Full PDB file with SEQRES, HELIX, SHEET, SSBOND, CRYST1, ORIGX, SCALE, CONECT and MASTER records, all heavy atoms in Angstrom:
SEQRES   1 A   37  GLU LEU CYS GLU ILE THR ALA LEU ASP LEU SER GLY ASP          
SEQRES   2 A   37  ILE LYS ALA VAL ALA THR GLU ASP ALA VAL TYR ALA ALA          
SEQRES   3 A   37  PRO ALA VAL ILE LEU ALA THR GLY ARG THR PRO                  
SHEET    1 AA1 3 ILE A   5  ASP A   9  0                                        
SHEET    2 AA1 3 LYS A  15  THR A  19 -1                                        
SHEET    3 AA1 3 VAL A  23  ALA A  26 -1                                        
CRYST1    1.000    1.000    1.000  90.00  90.00  90.00 P 1           1          
ORIGX1      1.000000  0.000000  0.000000        0.00000                         
ORIGX2      0.000000  1.000000  0.000000        0.00000                         
ORIGX3      0.000000  0.000000  1.000000        0.00000                         
SCALE1      1.000000  0.000000  0.000000        0.00000                         
SCALE2      0.000000  1.000000  0.000000        0.00000                         
SCALE3      0.000000  0.000000  1.000000        0.00000                         
ATOM      1  N   GLU A   1     -14.207  -4.646  27.563  1.00  0.00           N  
ATOM      2  CA  GLU A   1     -14.421  -6.086  27.639  1.00  0.00           C  
ATOM      3  C   GLU A   1     -14.247  -6.513  29.094  1.00  0.00           C  
ATOM      4  O   GLU A   1     -13.806  -5.777  29.891  1.00  0.00           O  
ATOM      5  CB  GLU A   1     -13.469  -6.847  26.774  1.00  0.00           C  
ATOM      6  CG  GLU A   1     -13.686  -6.618  25.317  1.00  0.00           C  
ATOM      7  CD  GLU A   1     -12.726  -7.446  24.494  1.00  0.00           C  
ATOM      8  OE1 GLU A   1     -11.534  -7.399  24.825  1.00  0.00           O  
ATOM      9  OE2 GLU A   1     -13.085  -8.219  23.573  1.00  0.00           O  
ATOM     10  N   LEU A   2     -14.875  -7.773  29.312  1.00  0.00           N  
ATOM     11  CA  LEU A   2     -14.829  -8.289  30.752  1.00  0.00           C  
ATOM     12  C   LEU A   2     -15.386  -7.308  31.729  1.00  0.00           C  
ATOM     13  O   LEU A   2     -14.888  -6.977  32.779  1.00  0.00           O  
ATOM     14  CB  LEU A   2     -13.557  -8.737  31.141  1.00  0.00           C  
ATOM     15  CG  LEU A   2     -12.833  -9.725  30.244  1.00  0.00           C  
ATOM     16  CD1 LEU A   2     -11.360 -10.070  30.655  1.00  0.00           C  
ATOM     17  CD2 LEU A   2     -13.712 -11.055  30.151  1.00  0.00           C  
ATOM     18  N   CYS A   3     -16.529  -6.630  31.240  1.00  0.00           N  
ATOM     19  CA  CYS A   3     -17.106  -5.534  32.124  1.00  0.00           C  
ATOM     20  C   CYS A   3     -18.368  -5.966  32.770  1.00  0.00           C  
ATOM     21  O   CYS A   3     -19.374  -6.244  32.001  1.00  0.00           O  
ATOM     22  CB  CYS A   3     -17.349  -4.247  31.062  1.00  0.00           C  
ATOM     23  SG  CYS A   3     -18.179  -2.925  31.721  1.00  0.00           S  
ATOM     24  N   GLU A   4     -18.270  -5.988  33.982  1.00  0.00           N  
ATOM     25  CA  GLU A   4     -19.500  -6.291  34.904  1.00  0.00           C  
ATOM     26  C   GLU A   4     -20.284  -5.197  35.129  1.00  0.00           C  
ATOM     27  O   GLU A   4     -19.857  -4.270  35.808  1.00  0.00           O  
ATOM     28  CB  GLU A   4     -19.141  -7.133  35.977  1.00  0.00           C  
ATOM     29  CG  GLU A   4     -20.296  -7.546  36.800  1.00  0.00           C  
ATOM     30  CD  GLU A   4     -19.876  -8.384  38.115  1.00  0.00           C  
ATOM     31  OE1 GLU A   4     -18.680  -8.616  38.251  1.00  0.00           O  
ATOM     32  OE2 GLU A   4     -20.811  -8.681  39.038  1.00  0.00           O  
ATOM     33  N   ILE A   5     -21.557  -5.134  34.546  1.00  0.00           N  
ATOM     34  CA  ILE A   5     -22.503  -3.953  34.959  1.00  0.00           C  
ATOM     35  C   ILE A   5     -23.188  -4.333  36.255  1.00  0.00           C  
ATOM     36  O   ILE A   5     -23.717  -5.338  36.506  1.00  0.00           O  
ATOM     37  CB  ILE A   5     -23.547  -3.926  33.853  1.00  0.00           C  
ATOM     38  CG1 ILE A   5     -22.863  -3.452  32.597  1.00  0.00           C  
ATOM     39  CG2 ILE A   5     -24.616  -2.913  34.278  1.00  0.00           C  
ATOM     40  CD1 ILE A   5     -23.803  -3.413  31.355  1.00  0.00           C  
ATOM     41  N   THR A   6     -23.085  -3.301  37.192  1.00  0.00           N  
ATOM     42  CA  THR A   6     -23.478  -3.610  38.598  1.00  0.00           C  
ATOM     43  C   THR A   6     -24.896  -2.980  38.799  1.00  0.00           C  
ATOM     44  O   THR A   6     -25.562  -3.224  39.768  1.00  0.00           O  
ATOM     45  CB  THR A   6     -22.474  -3.056  39.631  1.00  0.00           C  
ATOM     46  OG1 THR A   6     -22.281  -1.721  39.412  1.00  0.00           O  
ATOM     47  CG2 THR A   6     -21.165  -3.837  39.513  1.00  0.00           C  
ATOM     48  N   ALA A   7     -25.148  -1.935  38.017  1.00  0.00           N  
ATOM     49  CA  ALA A   7     -26.519  -1.214  38.091  1.00  0.00           C  
ATOM     50  C   ALA A   7     -26.872  -0.551  36.745  1.00  0.00           C  
ATOM     51  O   ALA A   7     -25.944  -0.109  36.039  1.00  0.00           O  
ATOM     52  CB  ALA A   7     -26.320  -0.089  39.164  1.00  0.00           C  
ATOM     53  N   LEU A   8     -28.091  -0.538  36.495  1.00  0.00           N  
ATOM     54  CA  LEU A   8     -28.641   0.015  35.161  1.00  0.00           C  
ATOM     55  C   LEU A   8     -29.801   0.908  35.465  1.00  0.00           C  
ATOM     56  O   LEU A   8     -30.853   0.352  35.860  1.00  0.00           O  
ATOM     57  CB  LEU A   8     -28.910  -1.168  34.228  1.00  0.00           C  
ATOM     58  CG  LEU A   8     -29.469  -0.755  32.774  1.00  0.00           C  
ATOM     59  CD1 LEU A   8     -28.391   0.108  32.145  1.00  0.00           C  
ATOM     60  CD2 LEU A   8     -29.827  -2.021  32.079  1.00  0.00           C  
ATOM     61  N   ASP A   9     -29.745   2.222  35.181  1.00  0.00           N  
ATOM     62  CA  ASP A   9     -30.878   3.086  35.451  1.00  0.00           C  
ATOM     63  C   ASP A   9     -31.270   3.641  34.110  1.00  0.00           C  
ATOM     64  O   ASP A   9     -30.603   4.498  33.459  1.00  0.00           O  
ATOM     65  CB  ASP A   9     -30.459   4.232  36.395  1.00  0.00           C  
ATOM     66  CG  ASP A   9     -31.570   5.118  36.702  1.00  0.00           C  
ATOM     67  OD1 ASP A   9     -32.691   4.940  36.210  1.00  0.00           O  
ATOM     68  OD2 ASP A   9     -31.435   6.139  37.456  1.00  0.00           O  
ATOM     69  N   LEU A  10     -32.347   3.170  33.561  1.00  0.00           N  
ATOM     70  CA  LEU A  10     -32.889   3.614  32.258  1.00  0.00           C  
ATOM     71  C   LEU A  10     -33.994   4.668  32.373  1.00  0.00           C  
ATOM     72  O   LEU A  10     -34.531   5.052  31.302  1.00  0.00           O  
ATOM     73  CB  LEU A  10     -33.459   2.373  31.528  1.00  0.00           C  
ATOM     74  CG  LEU A  10     -32.402   1.376  31.131  1.00  0.00           C  
ATOM     75  CD1 LEU A  10     -33.151   0.150  30.493  1.00  0.00           C  
ATOM     76  CD2 LEU A  10     -31.240   1.737  30.435  1.00  0.00           C  
ATOM     77  N   SER A  11     -34.198   5.159  33.546  1.00  0.00           N  
ATOM     78  CA  SER A  11     -35.232   6.144  33.717  1.00  0.00           C  
ATOM     79  C   SER A  11     -34.667   7.584  33.337  1.00  0.00           C  
ATOM     80  O   SER A  11     -33.465   7.723  33.525  1.00  0.00           O  
ATOM     81  CB  SER A  11     -35.846   6.175  35.078  1.00  0.00           C  
ATOM     82  OG  SER A  11     -34.912   6.392  36.018  1.00  0.00           O  
ATOM     83  N   GLY A  12     -35.500   8.607  33.139  1.00  0.00           N  
ATOM     84  CA  GLY A  12     -35.029   9.961  32.920  1.00  0.00           C  
ATOM     85  C   GLY A  12     -34.457  10.077  31.601  1.00  0.00           C  
ATOM     86  O   GLY A  12     -34.279   9.190  30.799  1.00  0.00           O  
ATOM     87  N   ASP A  13     -34.125  11.416  31.358  1.00  0.00           N  
ATOM     88  CA  ASP A  13     -33.393  11.737  30.004  1.00  0.00           C  
ATOM     89  C   ASP A  13     -32.134  11.138  29.887  1.00  0.00           C  
ATOM     90  O   ASP A  13     -31.707  10.901  28.735  1.00  0.00           O  
ATOM     91  CB  ASP A  13     -33.503  13.120  29.808  1.00  0.00           C  
ATOM     92  CG  ASP A  13     -34.992  13.793  29.706  1.00  0.00           C  
ATOM     93  OD1 ASP A  13     -35.876  12.976  29.302  1.00  0.00           O  
ATOM     94  OD2 ASP A  13     -35.194  14.972  30.096  1.00  0.00           O  
ATOM     95  N   ILE A  14     -31.396  11.148  31.016  1.00  0.00           N  
ATOM     96  CA  ILE A  14     -29.972  10.591  30.901  1.00  0.00           C  
ATOM     97  C   ILE A  14     -29.896   9.299  31.462  1.00  0.00           C  
ATOM     98  O   ILE A  14     -30.387   9.158  32.724  1.00  0.00           O  
ATOM     99  CB  ILE A  14     -28.991  11.505  31.519  1.00  0.00           C  
ATOM    100  CG1 ILE A  14     -28.929  12.878  30.885  1.00  0.00           C  
ATOM    101  CG2 ILE A  14     -27.589  10.985  31.558  1.00  0.00           C  
ATOM    102  CD1 ILE A  14     -28.634  12.922  29.350  1.00  0.00           C  
ATOM    103  N   LYS A  15     -29.598   8.213  30.765  1.00  0.00           N  
ATOM    104  CA  LYS A  15     -29.478   6.796  31.404  1.00  0.00           C  
ATOM    105  C   LYS A  15     -28.104   6.769  31.969  1.00  0.00           C  
ATOM    106  O   LYS A  15     -27.032   7.324  31.601  1.00  0.00           O  
ATOM    107  CB  LYS A  15     -29.698   5.848  30.250  1.00  0.00           C  
ATOM    108  CG  LYS A  15     -30.666   6.167  29.224  1.00  0.00           C  
ATOM    109  CD  LYS A  15     -32.050   6.405  29.742  1.00  0.00           C  
ATOM    110  CE  LYS A  15     -33.019   6.810  28.630  1.00  0.00           C  
ATOM    111  NZ  LYS A  15     -34.269   7.211  29.138  1.00  0.00           N  
ATOM    112  N   ALA A  16     -27.975   5.801  33.069  1.00  0.00           N  
ATOM    113  CA  ALA A  16     -26.785   5.652  33.621  1.00  0.00           C  
ATOM    114  C   ALA A  16     -26.397   4.073  33.771  1.00  0.00           C  
ATOM    115  O   ALA A  16     -27.307   3.286  34.166  1.00  0.00           O  
ATOM    116  CB  ALA A  16     -26.757   6.154  35.134  1.00  0.00           C  
ATOM    117  N   VAL A  17     -25.190   3.719  33.438  1.00  0.00           N  
ATOM    118  CA  VAL A  17     -24.743   2.324  33.507  1.00  0.00           C  
ATOM    119  C   VAL A  17     -23.522   2.192  34.425  1.00  0.00           C  
ATOM    120  O   VAL A  17     -22.582   2.894  34.066  1.00  0.00           O  
ATOM    121  CB  VAL A  17     -24.418   1.803  32.095  1.00  0.00           C  
ATOM    122  CG1 VAL A  17     -23.956   0.237  32.216  1.00  0.00           C  
ATOM    123  CG2 VAL A  17     -25.579   1.970  31.155  1.00  0.00           C  
ATOM    124  N   ALA A  18     -23.683   1.482  35.571  1.00  0.00           N  
ATOM    125  CA  ALA A  18     -22.607   1.491  36.370  1.00  0.00           C  
ATOM    126  C   ALA A  18     -21.824   0.239  36.313  1.00  0.00           C  
ATOM    127  O   ALA A  18     -22.558  -0.902  36.169  1.00  0.00           O  
ATOM    128  CB  ALA A  18     -23.169   1.706  37.985  1.00  0.00           C  
ATOM    129  N   THR A  19     -20.531   0.236  36.412  1.00  0.00           N  
ATOM    130  CA  THR A  19     -19.719  -0.891  36.413  1.00  0.00           C  
ATOM    131  C   THR A  19     -18.833  -0.922  37.748  1.00  0.00           C  
ATOM    132  O   THR A  19     -18.991  -0.028  38.560  1.00  0.00           O  
ATOM    133  CB  THR A  19     -18.798  -1.034  35.211  1.00  0.00           C  
ATOM    134  OG1 THR A  19     -17.753   0.059  35.301  1.00  0.00           O  
ATOM    135  CG2 THR A  19     -19.510  -0.843  33.886  1.00  0.00           C  
ATOM    136  N   GLU A  20     -17.948  -1.847  37.894  1.00  0.00           N  
ATOM    137  CA  GLU A  20     -17.198  -1.856  39.221  1.00  0.00           C  
ATOM    138  C   GLU A  20     -16.221  -0.674  39.142  1.00  0.00           C  
ATOM    139  O   GLU A  20     -15.641  -0.312  40.247  1.00  0.00           O  
ATOM    140  CB  GLU A  20     -16.382  -3.165  39.208  1.00  0.00           C  
ATOM    141  CG  GLU A  20     -17.327  -4.405  39.352  1.00  0.00           C  
ATOM    142  CD  GLU A  20     -16.457  -5.650  39.469  1.00  0.00           C  
ATOM    143  OE1 GLU A  20     -15.450  -5.775  38.869  1.00  0.00           O  
ATOM    144  OE2 GLU A  20     -16.913  -6.625  40.099  1.00  0.00           O  
ATOM    145  N   ASP A  21     -15.880  -0.175  38.006  1.00  0.00           N  
ATOM    146  CA  ASP A  21     -14.877   0.905  37.827  1.00  0.00           C  
ATOM    147  C   ASP A  21     -15.360   2.330  37.491  1.00  0.00           C  
ATOM    148  O   ASP A  21     -14.683   3.281  37.733  1.00  0.00           O  
ATOM    149  CB  ASP A  21     -13.808   0.404  36.792  1.00  0.00           C  
ATOM    150  CG  ASP A  21     -13.209  -0.918  37.021  1.00  0.00           C  
ATOM    151  OD1 ASP A  21     -12.758  -1.050  38.246  1.00  0.00           O  
ATOM    152  OD2 ASP A  21     -13.025  -1.699  36.179  1.00  0.00           O  
ATOM    153  N   ALA A  22     -16.574   2.357  36.904  1.00  0.00           N  
ATOM    154  CA  ALA A  22     -17.003   3.701  36.454  1.00  0.00           C  
ATOM    155  C   ALA A  22     -18.544   3.699  36.254  1.00  0.00           C  
ATOM    156  O   ALA A  22     -19.177   2.763  36.259  1.00  0.00           O  
ATOM    157  CB  ALA A  22     -16.268   4.027  35.075  1.00  0.00           C  
ATOM    158  N   VAL A  23     -18.951   4.969  35.992  1.00  0.00           N  
ATOM    159  CA  VAL A  23     -20.394   5.185  35.699  1.00  0.00           C  
ATOM    160  C   VAL A  23     -20.431   5.788  34.316  1.00  0.00           C  
ATOM    161  O   VAL A  23     -19.779   6.789  34.203  1.00  0.00           O  
ATOM    162  CB  VAL A  23     -21.146   6.039  36.736  1.00  0.00           C  
ATOM    163  CG1 VAL A  23     -22.612   6.300  36.242  1.00  0.00           C  
ATOM    164  CG2 VAL A  23     -21.121   5.290  38.052  1.00  0.00           C  
ATOM    165  N   TYR A  24     -21.255   5.293  33.447  1.00  0.00           N  
ATOM    166  CA  TYR A  24     -21.325   5.744  32.048  1.00  0.00           C  
ATOM    167  C   TYR A  24     -22.792   6.298  31.917  1.00  0.00           C  
ATOM    168  O   TYR A  24     -23.683   5.632  32.294  1.00  0.00           O  
ATOM    169  CB  TYR A  24     -21.012   4.731  30.965  1.00  0.00           C  
ATOM    170  CG  TYR A  24     -19.768   4.058  31.092  1.00  0.00           C  
ATOM    171  CD1 TYR A  24     -19.604   2.837  31.968  1.00  0.00           C  
ATOM    172  CD2 TYR A  24     -18.577   4.500  30.535  1.00  0.00           C  
ATOM    173  CE1 TYR A  24     -18.351   2.376  32.097  1.00  0.00           C  
ATOM    174  CE2 TYR A  24     -17.444   3.990  30.627  1.00  0.00           C  
ATOM    175  CZ  TYR A  24     -17.199   2.793  31.418  1.00  0.00           C  
ATOM    176  OH  TYR A  24     -16.021   2.230  31.522  1.00  0.00           O  
ATOM    177  N   ALA A  25     -22.828   7.673  31.448  1.00  0.00           N  
ATOM    178  CA  ALA A  25     -24.094   8.164  31.150  1.00  0.00           C  
ATOM    179  C   ALA A  25     -24.258   8.662  29.671  1.00  0.00           C  
ATOM    180  O   ALA A  25     -23.380   9.055  29.071  1.00  0.00           O  
ATOM    181  CB  ALA A  25     -24.144   9.465  32.146  1.00  0.00           C  
ATOM    182  N   ALA A  26     -25.561   8.569  29.209  1.00  0.00           N  
ATOM    183  CA  ALA A  26     -25.915   8.907  27.950  1.00  0.00           C  
ATOM    184  C   ALA A  26     -27.333   8.953  27.721  1.00  0.00           C  
ATOM    185  O   ALA A  26     -28.234   8.440  28.505  1.00  0.00           O  
ATOM    186  CB  ALA A  26     -25.407   7.813  26.887  1.00  0.00           C  
ATOM    187  N   PRO A  27     -27.792   9.820  26.706  1.00  0.00           N  
ATOM    188  CA  PRO A  27     -29.223   9.884  26.563  1.00  0.00           C  
ATOM    189  C   PRO A  27     -29.971   8.799  25.903  1.00  0.00           C  
ATOM    190  O   PRO A  27     -31.001   8.556  25.814  1.00  0.00           O  
ATOM    191  CB  PRO A  27     -29.517  11.211  25.652  1.00  0.00           C  
ATOM    192  CG  PRO A  27     -28.102  11.309  24.917  1.00  0.00           C  
ATOM    193  CD  PRO A  27     -27.063  10.905  25.979  1.00  0.00           C  
ATOM    194  N   ALA A  28     -29.034   7.969  25.222  1.00  0.00           N  
ATOM    195  CA  ALA A  28     -29.506   6.717  24.530  1.00  0.00           C  
ATOM    196  C   ALA A  28     -28.691   5.490  24.928  1.00  0.00           C  
ATOM    197  O   ALA A  28     -27.431   5.470  25.152  1.00  0.00           O  
ATOM    198  CB  ALA A  28     -29.376   7.104  22.988  1.00  0.00           C  
ATOM    199  N   VAL A  29     -29.465   4.510  24.960  1.00  0.00           N  
ATOM    200  CA  VAL A  29     -28.817   3.180  25.321  1.00  0.00           C  
ATOM    201  C   VAL A  29     -29.314   2.095  24.286  1.00  0.00           C  
ATOM    202  O   VAL A  29     -30.540   2.078  23.990  1.00  0.00           O  
ATOM    203  CB  VAL A  29     -29.061   2.566  26.700  1.00  0.00           C  
ATOM    204  CG1 VAL A  29     -28.700   1.148  26.886  1.00  0.00           C  
ATOM    205  CG2 VAL A  29     -28.417   3.582  27.796  1.00  0.00           C  
ATOM    206  N   ILE A  30     -28.419   1.310  23.819  1.00  0.00           N  
ATOM    207  CA  ILE A  30     -28.875   0.260  22.896  1.00  0.00           C  
ATOM    208  C   ILE A  30     -28.564  -1.107  23.610  1.00  0.00           C  
ATOM    209  O   ILE A  30     -27.466  -1.339  23.996  1.00  0.00           O  
ATOM    210  CB  ILE A  30     -28.091   0.260  21.538  1.00  0.00           C  
ATOM    211  CG1 ILE A  30     -28.454   1.545  20.695  1.00  0.00           C  
ATOM    212  CG2 ILE A  30     -28.326  -0.972  20.662  1.00  0.00           C  
ATOM    213  CD1 ILE A  30     -27.613   1.716  19.434  1.00  0.00           C  
ATOM    214  N   LEU A  31     -29.548  -1.953  23.757  1.00  0.00           N  
ATOM    215  CA  LEU A  31     -29.497  -3.242  24.435  1.00  0.00           C  
ATOM    216  C   LEU A  31     -29.196  -4.239  23.302  1.00  0.00           C  
ATOM    217  O   LEU A  31     -29.976  -4.597  22.480  1.00  0.00           O  
ATOM    218  CB  LEU A  31     -30.724  -3.559  25.252  1.00  0.00           C  
ATOM    219  CG  LEU A  31     -31.166  -2.580  26.347  1.00  0.00           C  
ATOM    220  CD1 LEU A  31     -32.492  -2.866  26.797  1.00  0.00           C  
ATOM    221  CD2 LEU A  31     -30.012  -2.417  27.352  1.00  0.00           C  
ATOM    222  N   ALA A  32     -27.934  -4.823  23.382  1.00  0.00           N  
ATOM    223  CA  ALA A  32     -27.520  -5.828  22.396  1.00  0.00           C  
ATOM    224  C   ALA A  32     -26.966  -7.075  23.200  1.00  0.00           C  
ATOM    225  O   ALA A  32     -25.906  -7.530  22.784  1.00  0.00           O  
ATOM    226  CB  ALA A  32     -26.591  -5.217  21.344  1.00  0.00           C  
ATOM    227  N   THR A  33     -27.725  -7.438  24.205  1.00  0.00           N  
ATOM    228  CA  THR A  33     -27.124  -8.443  25.098  1.00  0.00           C  
ATOM    229  C   THR A  33     -27.188  -9.929  24.561  1.00  0.00           C  
ATOM    230  O   THR A  33     -26.653 -10.730  25.142  1.00  0.00           O  
ATOM    231  CB  THR A  33     -27.825  -8.409  26.312  1.00  0.00           C  
ATOM    232  OG1 THR A  33     -29.264  -8.524  26.201  1.00  0.00           O  
ATOM    233  CG2 THR A  33     -27.523  -7.144  27.076  1.00  0.00           C  
ATOM    234  N   GLY A  34     -27.937 -10.214  23.503  1.00  0.00           N  
ATOM    235  CA  GLY A  34     -27.931 -11.437  22.849  1.00  0.00           C  
ATOM    236  C   GLY A  34     -28.545 -12.500  23.519  1.00  0.00           C  
ATOM    237  O   GLY A  34     -29.414 -12.330  24.518  1.00  0.00           O  
ATOM    238  N   ARG A  35     -28.021 -13.760  23.387  1.00  0.00           N  
ATOM    239  CA  ARG A  35     -28.638 -14.882  24.026  1.00  0.00           C  
ATOM    240  C   ARG A  35     -27.322 -15.872  24.603  1.00  0.00           C  
ATOM    241  O   ARG A  35     -26.280 -15.640  24.285  1.00  0.00           O  
ATOM    242  CB  ARG A  35     -29.358 -15.794  23.002  1.00  0.00           C  
ATOM    243  CG  ARG A  35     -30.576 -14.977  22.459  1.00  0.00           C  
ATOM    244  CD  ARG A  35     -31.453 -15.832  21.562  1.00  0.00           C  
ATOM    245  NE  ARG A  35     -30.787 -16.140  20.281  1.00  0.00           N  
ATOM    246  CZ  ARG A  35     -31.391 -16.746  19.250  1.00  0.00           C  
ATOM    247  NH1 ARG A  35     -32.597 -17.128  19.414  1.00  0.00           N  
ATOM    248  NH2 ARG A  35     -30.634 -17.000  18.098  1.00  0.00           N  
ATOM    249  N   THR A  36     -27.805 -16.822  25.369  1.00  0.00           N  
ATOM    250  CA  THR A  36     -26.793 -17.893  25.838  1.00  0.00           C  
ATOM    251  C   THR A  36     -27.401 -19.245  25.648  1.00  0.00           C  
ATOM    252  O   THR A  36     -28.672 -19.433  25.482  1.00  0.00           O  
ATOM    253  CB  THR A  36     -26.709 -17.788  27.438  1.00  0.00           C  
ATOM    254  OG1 THR A  36     -27.907 -17.816  27.998  1.00  0.00           O  
ATOM    255  CG2 THR A  36     -25.873 -16.422  27.680  1.00  0.00           C  
ATOM    256  N   PRO A  37     -26.564 -20.215  25.452  1.00  0.00           N  
ATOM    257  CA  PRO A  37     -27.177 -21.650  25.141  1.00  0.00           C  
ATOM    258  C   PRO A  37     -27.982 -22.125  26.298  1.00  0.00           C  
ATOM    259  O   PRO A  37     -27.883 -21.929  27.341  1.00  0.00           O  
ATOM    260  CB  PRO A  37     -25.829 -22.415  25.095  1.00  0.00           C  
ATOM    261  CG  PRO A  37     -24.759 -21.413  24.831  1.00  0.00           C  
ATOM    262  CD  PRO A  37     -25.143 -20.192  25.459  1.00  0.00           C  
TER     263      PRO A  37                                                      
MASTER        0    0    0    0    3    0    0    6  262    1    0    3          
END                                                                             
C-alpha cells in the first residue's frame, strides 16, 4: 500500500514495475487502477 509507481515497462516478455523502493518483474500484469471522482 501507499506504493508510488515511478516507471512501468510493459514491453517484452517480462514486464517491469518500478517503485521508489524496488523493481517488480513478471510475465503478466493486470491493470486494475479504477477511477477517481
